Amino acid sequence: MGTGTLFLIPTTLGESALAAVIPQQVQQRVRTLDYFIAENPKSARAYLKQTGMMKPLQELHIATLNEHTPDEAVAGLAAPLLAGHDVGVMSEAGCPGVADPGAKLVLYAQRHAMRVVPLVGPSSILLALMASGLNGQRFTFHGYLPVAEGEREKALRELELQSRRLNQTQIFIETPYRNQKLMQSILERCAAATLLCVAAELSLSGEDVRTMTVAEWRKNPPRLDRRPALFLLLAA
């Protein structure tokens, strides 16, 4: 018997209707699977229920892979694949393997010559970049910036310098409850002419994507407290 296929299952970016962002073909594929690996099994079950899964949820096999999962545990998670079962991987939001611990399992599958199939769905990084108008030929995603104020401000200065030197869009995120502090640091530390895109609540009812100079943002700062958002910076 050969190994199973690892399907990378996209999820919604928030509480939006599945039909609005997840193609029917993806939902149909998900309904054929019995084995799943999820960043959060509870939210994974809620997602599976929305797909119209006909099998009882309690009969599905859902293992956990999150930021606390040690590297040495990945081989055990891949056991169903080695036994010939197809497995679906789900992150907490968006696309598995992108800013997501699911990448560990994907790399294991690749290194062991298993078939990996990425399914179509929303990527907040690409959606934000598409809507920003900033350089989509050269860009870098940095994930989270440091929490400590001094380190965060140093990181912002370095990103701005790198953007200016390479003509490269710098993309980063923050947890929603710290967005306002990050925005304030950007407005205080970055050059007035630097372009900044704030992409908030992508694919949700409150979606708001705007690109302005830092000087323009200073006159009309956004309200971002507890709203999921991405920040994209391109220095002049």
C-alpha atoms as a PDB file:
ATOM      1  CA  MET A   1       0.000   0.000   0.000  1.00  0.00           C
ATOM      2  CA  GLY A   2       1.257   3.494  -0.841  1.00  0.00           C
ATOM      3  CA  THR A   3       1.155   6.494   1.419  1.00  0.00           C
ATOM      4  CA  GLY A   4      -1.881   8.728   1.685  1.00  0.00           C
ATOM      5  CA  THR A   5      -2.244  12.252   0.332  1.00  0.00           C
ATOM      6  CA  LEU A   6      -1.880  15.302   2.554  1.00  0.00           C
ATOM      7  CA  PHE A   7      -4.574  17.861   1.733  1.00  0.00           C
ATOM      8  CA  LEU A   8      -4.023  21.442   2.903  1.00  0.00           C
ATOM      9  CA  ILE A   9      -7.483  22.737   3.772  1.00  0.00           C
ATOM     10  CA  PRO A  10      -8.058  26.505   3.835  1.00  0.00           C
ATOM     11  CA  THR A  11     -10.406  27.948   6.446  1.00  0.00           C
ATOM     12  CA  THR A  12     -12.225  31.242   6.791  1.00  0.00           C
ATOM     13  CA  LEU A  13     -10.409  34.296   8.175  1.00  0.00           C
ATOM     14  CA  GLY A  14     -13.176  34.878  10.707  1.00  0.00           C
ATOM     15  CA  GLU A  15     -16.868  34.316  11.235  1.00  0.00           C
ATOM     16  CA  SER A  16     -17.970  34.486   7.617  1.00  0.00           C
ATOM     17  CA  ALA A  17     -20.128  32.095   5.632  1.00  0.00           C
ATOM     18  CA  LEU A  18     -18.142  29.203   4.218  1.00  0.00           C
ATOM     19  CA  ALA A  19     -19.781  29.541   0.805  1.00  0.00           C
ATOM     20  CA  ALA A  20     -18.439  33.094   0.465  1.00  0.00           C
ATOM     21  CA  VAL A  21     -14.753  32.113   0.591  1.00  0.00           C
ATOM     22  CA  ILE A  22     -14.372  28.319   0.334  1.00  0.00           C
ATOM     23  CA  PRO A  23     -15.120  26.741  -3.089  1.00  0.00           C
ATOM     24  CA  GLN A  24     -17.654  23.913  -3.234  1.00  0.00           C
ATOM     25  CA  GLN A  25     -15.006  21.582  -4.673  1.00  0.00           C
ATOM     26  CA  VAL A  26     -12.895  22.109  -1.553  1.00  0.00           C
ATOM     27  CA  GLN A  27     -15.842  21.396   0.724  1.00  0.00           C
ATOM     28  CA  GLN A  28     -16.613  18.239  -1.251  1.00  0.00           C
ATOM     29  CA  ARG A  29     -13.030  17.032  -0.842  1.00  0.00           C
ATOM     30  CA  VAL A  30     -13.115  17.727   2.891  1.00  0.00           C
ATOM     31  CA  ARG A  31     -16.248  15.600   3.283  1.00  0.00           C
ATOM     32  CA  THR A  32     -14.382  12.550   1.912  1.00  0.00           C
ATOM     33  CA  LEU A  33     -11.749  12.581   4.669  1.00  0.00           C
ATOM     34  CA  ASP A  34     -11.711  10.737   7.994  1.00  0.00           C
ATOM     35  CA  TYR A  35      -8.343  11.939   9.316  1.00  0.00           C
ATOM     36  CA  PHE A  36      -7.492  15.542  10.169  1.00  0.00           C
ATOM     37  CA  ILE A  37      -4.703  17.452  11.868  1.00  0.00           C
ATOM     38  CA  ALA A  38      -5.723  20.839  13.202  1.00  0.00           C
ATOM     39  CA  GLU A  39      -4.235  23.763  15.063  1.00  0.00           C
ATOM     40  CA  ASN A  40      -7.412  23.852  17.177  1.00  0.00           C
ATOM     41  CA  PRO A  41      -9.615  20.718  17.117  1.00  0.00           C
ATOM     42  CA  LYS A  42     -12.637  22.562  18.544  1.00  0.00           C
ATOM     43  CA  SER A  43     -12.756  25.159  15.753  1.00  0.00           C
ATOM     44  CA  ALA A  44     -11.879  22.422  13.240  1.00  0.00           C
ATOM     45  CA  ARG A  45     -15.022  20.502  14.234  1.00  0.00           C
ATOM     46  CA  ALA A  46     -17.107  23.653  13.817  1.00  0.00           C
ATOM     47  CA  TYR A  47     -15.632  24.131  10.344  1.00  0.00           C
ATOM     48  CA  LEU A  48     -16.255  20.506   9.371  1.00  0.00           C
ATOM     49  CA  LYS A  49     -19.870  20.810  10.490  1.00  0.00           C
ATOM     50  CA  GLN A  50     -20.292  23.822   8.178  1.00  0.00           C
ATOM     51  CA  THR A  51     -19.008  21.827   5.199  1.00  0.00           C
ATOM     52  CA  GLY A  52     -21.985  19.497   5.551  1.00  0.00           C
ATOM     53  CA  MET A  53     -19.880  16.586   6.762  1.00  0.00           C
ATOM     54  CA  MET A  54     -22.203  13.554   6.739  1.00  0.00           C
ATOM     55  CA  LYS A  55     -20.101  11.414   9.068  1.00  0.00           C
ATOM     56  CA  PRO A  56     -20.627  11.884  12.822  1.00  0.00           C
ATOM     57  CA  LEU A  57     -17.966  14.314  14.035  1.00  0.00           C
ATOM     58  CA  GLN A  58     -17.111  12.044  16.963  1.00  0.00           C
ATOM     59  CA  GLU A  59     -16.068   9.335  14.512  1.00  0.00           C
ATOM     60  CA  LEU A  60     -13.496  11.544  12.806  1.00  0.00           C
ATOM     61  CA  HIS A  61      -9.837  11.373  13.825  1.00  0.00           C
ATOM     62  CA  ILE A  62      -8.614  14.895  14.669  1.00  0.00           C
ATOM     63  CA  ALA A  63      -5.068  15.293  16.016  1.00  0.00           C
ATOM     64  CA  THR A  64      -3.513  18.546  17.213  1.00  0.00           C
ATOM     65  CA  LEU A  65      -0.548  20.352  15.680  1.00  0.00           C
ATOM     66  CA  ASN A  66       0.128  23.807  17.098  1.00  0.00           C
ATOM     67  CA  GLU A  67       3.041  26.023  18.102  1.00  0.00           C
ATOM     68  CA  HIS A  68       3.629  23.867  21.203  1.00  0.00           C
ATOM     69  CA  THR A  69       3.959  20.607  19.270  1.00  0.00           C
ATOM     70  CA  PRO A  70       7.598  19.395  19.458  1.00  0.00           C
ATOM     71  CA  ASP A  71       9.340  18.544  16.214  1.00  0.00           C
ATOM     72  CA  GLU A  72       9.811  14.945  17.288  1.00  0.00           C
ATOM     73  CA  ALA A  73       6.006  14.483  17.493  1.00  0.00           C
ATOM     74  CA  VAL A  74       5.467  15.200  13.796  1.00  0.00           C
ATOM     75  CA  ALA A  75       6.386  11.679  12.688  1.00  0.00           C
ATOM     76  CA  GLY A  76       3.628  10.287  14.916  1.00  0.00           C
ATOM     77  CA  LEU A  77       1.104  12.697  13.413  1.00  0.00           C
ATOM     78  CA  ALA A  78       2.051  11.400   9.976  1.00  0.00           C
ATOM     79  CA  ALA A  79       1.256   7.783  10.932  1.00  0.00           C
ATOM     80  CA  PRO A  80      -2.153   7.755   9.156  1.00  0.00           C
ATOM     81  CA  LEU A  81      -0.452   8.943   5.950  1.00  0.00           C
ATOM     82  CA  LEU A  82       2.112   6.174   6.206  1.00  0.00           C
ATOM     83  CA  ALA A  83      -0.763   3.725   6.700  1.00  0.00           C
ATOM     84  CA  GLY A  84      -2.302   4.857   3.402  1.00  0.00           C
ATOM     85  CA  HIS A  85      -4.994   7.214   4.695  1.00  0.00           C
ATOM     86  CA  ASP A  86      -5.603  10.655   3.183  1.00  0.00           C
ATOM     87  CA  VAL A  87      -5.247  13.406   5.784  1.00  0.00           C
ATOM     88  CA  GLY A  88      -6.468  17.008   5.874  1.00  0.00           C
ATOM     89  CA  VAL A  89      -4.545  19.778   7.646  1.00  0.00           C
ATOM     90  CA  MET A  90      -6.344  22.860   8.968  1.00  0.00           C
ATOM     91  CA  SER A  91      -4.909  26.002  10.512  1.00  0.00           C
ATOM     92  CA  GLU A  92      -6.840  28.273  12.837  1.00  0.00           C
ATOM     93  CA  ALA A  93      -7.446  30.795  10.042  1.00  0.00           C
ATOM     94  CA  GLY A  94      -6.505  30.982   6.374  1.00  0.00           C
ATOM     95  CA  CYS A  95      -4.076  28.664   4.611  1.00  0.00           C
ATOM     96  CA  PRO A  96      -2.169  25.847   6.343  1.00  0.00           C
ATOM     97  CA  GLY A  97       1.601  26.104   6.207  1.00  0.00           C
ATOM     98  CA  VAL A  98       1.660  29.890   5.768  1.00  0.00           C
ATOM     99  CA  ALA A  99       2.549  31.554   9.076  1.00  0.00           C
ATOM    100  CA  ASP A 100       1.226  28.323  10.559  1.00  0.00           C
ATOM    101  CA  PRO A 101       2.694  25.335  12.455  1.00  0.00           C
ATOM    102  CA  GLY A 102       1.208  22.982   9.842  1.00  0.00           C
ATOM    103  CA  ALA A 103       4.347  23.656   7.801  1.00  0.00           C
ATOM    104  CA  LYS A 104       6.176  21.117   9.984  1.00  0.00           C
ATOM    105  CA  LEU A 105       3.932  18.308   8.778  1.00  0.00           C
ATOM    106  CA  VAL A 106       4.037  19.514   5.176  1.00  0.00           C
ATOM    107  CA  LEU A 107       7.844  19.424   5.236  1.00  0.00           C
ATOM    108  CA  TYR A 108       7.767  15.913   6.728  1.00  0.00           C
ATOM    109  CA  ALA A 109       5.453  14.790   3.932  1.00  0.00           C
ATOM    110  CA  GLN A 110       7.676  16.366   1.291  1.00  0.00           C
ATOM    111  CA  ARG A 111      10.805  14.807   2.749  1.00  0.00           C
ATOM    112  CA  HIS A 112       9.140  11.375   2.665  1.00  0.00           C
ATOM    113  CA  ALA A 113       7.919  11.694  -0.939  1.00  0.00           C
ATOM    114  CA  MET A 114       4.247  11.938   0.006  1.00  0.00           C
ATOM    115  CA  ARG A 115       1.774  13.733  -2.235  1.00  0.00           C
ATOM    116  CA  VAL A 116       0.831  17.180  -0.924  1.00  0.00           C
ATOM    117  CA  VAL A 117      -2.216  18.951  -2.395  1.00  0.00           C
ATOM    118  CA  PRO A 118      -2.907  22.618  -1.529  1.00  0.00           C
ATOM    119  CA  LEU A 119      -6.608  23.460  -1.811  1.00  0.00           C
ATOM    120  CA  VAL A 120      -7.873  26.893  -2.852  1.00  0.00           C
ATOM    121  CA  GLY A 121      -8.920  29.362  -0.176  1.00  0.00           C
ATOM    122  CA  PRO A 122      -8.247  32.771   1.380  1.00  0.00           C
ATOM    123  CA  SER A 123      -4.731  33.918   2.264  1.00  0.00           C
ATOM    124  CA  SER A 124      -4.835  37.147   4.235  1.00  0.00           C
ATOM    125  CA  ILE A 125      -1.283  37.973   3.157  1.00  0.00           C
ATOM    126  CA  LEU A 126      -2.024  37.791  -0.561  1.00  0.00           C
ATOM    127  CA  LEU A 127      -5.449  39.435  -0.248  1.00  0.00           C
ATOM    128  CA  ALA A 128      -3.863  42.385   1.549  1.00  0.00           C
ATOM    129  CA  LEU A 129      -1.020  42.646  -0.960  1.00  0.00           C
ATOM    130  CA  MET A 130      -3.441  42.490  -3.898  1.00  0.00           C
ATOM    131  CA  ALA A 131      -5.562  45.315  -2.508  1.00  0.00           C
ATOM    132  CA  SER A 132      -2.684  47.505  -1.313  1.00  0.00           C
ATOM    133  CA  GLY A 133      -1.302  48.749  -4.624  1.00  0.00           C
ATOM    134  CA  LEU A 134       2.203  48.297  -3.193  1.00  0.00           C
ATOM    135  CA  ASN A 135       5.039  46.349  -4.813  1.00  0.00           C
ATOM    136  CA  GLY A 136       3.767  42.836  -5.519  1.00  0.00           C
ATOM    137  CA  GLN A 137       6.972  41.817  -7.315  1.00  0.00           C
ATOM    138  CA  ARG A 138       9.137  42.119  -4.224  1.00  0.00           C
ATOM    139  CA  PHE A 139       7.659  41.549  -0.784  1.00  0.00           C
ATOM    140  CA  THR A 140       8.519  39.903   2.515  1.00  0.00           C
ATOM    141  CA  PHE A 141       6.241  38.648   5.268  1.00  0.00           C
ATOM    142  CA  HIS A 142       7.751  39.055   8.739  1.00  0.00           C
ATOM    143  CA  GLY A 143       4.978  37.714  10.945  1.00  0.00           C
ATOM    144  CA  TYR A 144       4.806  39.402  14.341  1.00  0.00           C
ATOM    145  CA  LEU A 145       7.084  42.268  15.328  1.00  0.00           C
ATOM    146  CA  PRO A 146       8.612  42.367  18.843  1.00  0.00           C
ATOM    147  CA  VAL A 147       6.218  43.255  21.652  1.00  0.00           C
ATOM    148  CA  ALA A 148       8.652  45.377  23.683  1.00  0.00           C
ATOM    149  CA  GLU A 149       8.345  49.007  22.612  1.00  0.00           C
ATOM    150  CA  GLY A 150      12.064  49.646  22.046  1.00  0.00           C
ATOM    151  CA  GLU A 151      12.558  46.453  20.060  1.00  0.00           C
ATOM    152  CA  ARG A 152       9.399  47.084  18.045  1.00  0.00           C
ATOM    153  CA  GLU A 153      10.531  50.585  17.083  1.00  0.00           C
ATOM    154  CA  LYS A 154      13.981  49.253  16.119  1.00  0.00           C
ATOM    155  CA  ALA A 155      12.328  46.596  13.940  1.00  0.00           C
ATOM    156  CA  LEU A 156      10.176  49.219  12.221  1.00  0.00           C
ATOM    157  CA  ARG A 157      13.225  51.333  11.411  1.00  0.00           C
ATOM    158  CA  GLU A 158      14.996  48.300   9.957  1.00  0.00           C
ATOM    159  CA  LEU A 159      11.973  47.321   7.866  1.00  0.00           C
ATOM    160  CA  GLU A 160      11.677  50.834   6.503  1.00  0.00           C
ATOM    161  CA  LEU A 161      15.376  50.902   5.587  1.00  0.00           C
ATOM    162  CA  GLN A 162      15.147  47.505   3.920  1.00  0.00           C
ATOM    163  CA  SER A 163      12.038  48.547   2.000  1.00  0.00           C
ATOM    164  CA  ARG A 164      13.740  51.694   0.725  1.00  0.00           C
ATOM    165  CA  ARG A 165      16.954  49.893  -0.216  1.00  0.00           C
ATOM    166  CA  LEU A 166      15.294  46.972  -2.022  1.00  0.00           C
ATOM    167  CA  ASN A 167      12.065  48.623  -3.202  1.00  0.00           C
ATOM    168  CA  GLN A 168      10.344  45.848  -1.263  1.00  0.00           C
ATOM    169  CA  THR A 169       6.948  45.734   0.428  1.00  0.00           C
ATOM    170  CA  GLN A 170       7.239  44.762   4.094  1.00  0.00           C
ATOM    171  CA  ILE A 171       4.245  42.847   5.494  1.00  0.00           C
ATOM    172  CA  PHE A 172       3.652  42.171   9.190  1.00  0.00           C
ATOM    173  CA  ILE A 173       0.887  41.485  11.689  1.00  0.00           C
ATOM    174  CA  GLU A 174       0.020  41.896  15.329  1.00  0.00           C
ATOM    175  CA  THR A 175      -2.513  40.330  17.670  1.00  0.00           C
ATOM    176  CA  PRO A 176      -5.760  42.340  17.404  1.00  0.00           C
ATOM    177  CA  TYR A 177      -5.626  43.749  20.931  1.00  0.00           C
ATOM    178  CA  ARG A 178      -2.148  45.222  20.291  1.00  0.00           C
ATOM    179  CA  ASN A 179      -2.898  46.656  16.835  1.00  0.00           C
ATOM    180  CA  GLN A 180      -3.486  50.167  18.121  1.00  0.00           C
ATOM    181  CA  LYS A 181      -0.082  50.280  19.835  1.00  0.00           C
ATOM    182  CA  LEU A 182       1.631  49.036  16.702  1.00  0.00           C
ATOM    183  CA  MET A 183      -0.160  51.612  14.582  1.00  0.00           C
ATOM    184  CA  GLN A 184       0.919  54.346  16.969  1.00  0.00           C
ATOM    185  CA  SER A 185       4.551  53.200  16.732  1.00  0.00           C
ATOM    186  CA  ILE A 186       4.390  53.273  12.932  1.00  0.00           C
ATOM    187  CA  LEU A 187       2.973  56.800  12.916  1.00  0.00           C
ATOM    188  CA  GLU A 188       5.596  58.017  15.383  1.00  0.00           C
ATOM    189  CA  ARG A 189       8.678  56.332  13.893  1.00  0.00           C
ATOM    190  CA  CYS A 190       8.218  55.994  10.138  1.00  0.00           C
ATOM    191  CA  ALA A 191       8.911  58.694   7.562  1.00  0.00           C
ATOM    192  CA  ALA A 192       6.033  60.902   6.463  1.00  0.00           C
ATOM    193  CA  ALA A 193       6.348  59.837   2.818  1.00  0.00           C
ATOM    194  CA  THR A 194       6.349  56.097   3.530  1.00  0.00           C
ATOM    195  CA  LEU A 195       3.307  54.334   2.105  1.00  0.00           C
ATOM    196  CA  LEU A 196       1.332  52.264   4.596  1.00  0.00           C
ATOM    197  CA  CYS A 197      -1.544  49.919   3.828  1.00  0.00           C
ATOM    198  CA  VAL A 198      -3.770  48.801   6.696  1.00  0.00           C
ATOM    199  CA  ALA A 199      -5.886  45.792   5.732  1.00  0.00           C
ATOM    200  CA  ALA A 200      -8.455  45.097   8.438  1.00  0.00           C
ATOM    201  CA  GLU A 201     -11.058  42.319   8.697  1.00  0.00           C
ATOM    202  CA  LEU A 202     -10.303  40.832   5.288  1.00  0.00           C
ATOM    203  CA  SER A 203     -13.224  38.885   3.777  1.00  0.00           C
ATOM    204  CA  LEU A 204     -15.443  39.852   6.724  1.00  0.00           C
ATOM    205  CA  SER A 205     -18.351  42.289   6.856  1.00  0.00           C
ATOM    206  CA  GLY A 206     -16.162  45.055   8.312  1.00  0.00           C
ATOM    207  CA  GLU A 207     -13.428  44.744   5.667  1.00  0.00           C
ATOM    208  CA  ASP A 208     -11.431  47.942   5.242  1.00  0.00           C
ATOM    209  CA  VAL A 209      -8.249  48.152   3.129  1.00  0.00           C
ATOM    210  CA  ARG A 210      -6.644  51.559   2.665  1.00  0.00           C
ATOM    211  CA  THR A 211      -3.214  52.726   1.495  1.00  0.00           C
ATOM    212  CA  MET A 212      -1.983  56.213   2.416  1.00  0.00           C
ATOM    213  CA  THR A 213       1.259  57.905   3.353  1.00  0.00           C
ATOM    214  CA  VAL A 214       2.221  57.934   7.011  1.00  0.00           C
ATOM    215  CA  ALA A 215       1.609  61.694   6.962  1.00  0.00           C
ATOM    216  CA  GLU A 216      -1.956  61.123   5.759  1.00  0.00           C
ATOM    217  CA  TRP A 217      -2.564  58.400   8.333  1.00  0.00           C
ATOM    218  CA  ARG A 218      -1.421  60.767  11.090  1.00  0.00           C
ATOM    219  CA  LYS A 219      -4.304  63.066  10.196  1.00  0.00           C
ATOM    220  CA  ASN A 220      -6.836  60.242  10.188  1.00  0.00           C
ATOM    221  CA  PRO A 221      -5.608  57.221  12.174  1.00  0.00           C
ATOM    222  CA  PRO A 222      -7.746  54.071  11.979  1.00  0.00           C
ATOM    223  CA  ARG A 223      -9.506  52.384  14.874  1.00  0.00           C
ATOM    224  CA  LEU A 224      -8.001  48.911  15.016  1.00  0.00           C
ATOM    225  CA  ASP A 225      -8.518  47.724  18.567  1.00  0.00           C
ATOM    226  CA  ARG A 226      -9.463  44.013  18.515  1.00  0.00           C
ATOM    227  CA  ARG A 227      -9.817  43.993  14.726  1.00  0.00           C
ATOM    228  CA  PRO A 228      -7.651  41.468  12.811  1.00  0.00           C
ATOM    229  CA  ALA A 229      -5.361  43.428  10.493  1.00  0.00           C
ATOM    230  CA  LEU A 230      -2.238  43.273   8.361  1.00  0.00           C
ATOM    231  CA  PHE A 231       0.215  46.124   7.851  1.00  0.00           C
ATOM    232  CA  LEU A 232       2.099  46.661   4.576  1.00  0.00           C
ATOM    233  CA  LEU A 233       4.859  49.235   4.315  1.00  0.00           C
ATOM    234  CA  LEU A 234       6.716  50.598   1.283  1.00  0.00           C
ATOM    235  CA  ALA A 235       9.263  53.332   1.882  1.00  0.00           C
ATOM    236  CA  ALA A 236       9.791  56.063  -0.697  1.00  0.00           C
END
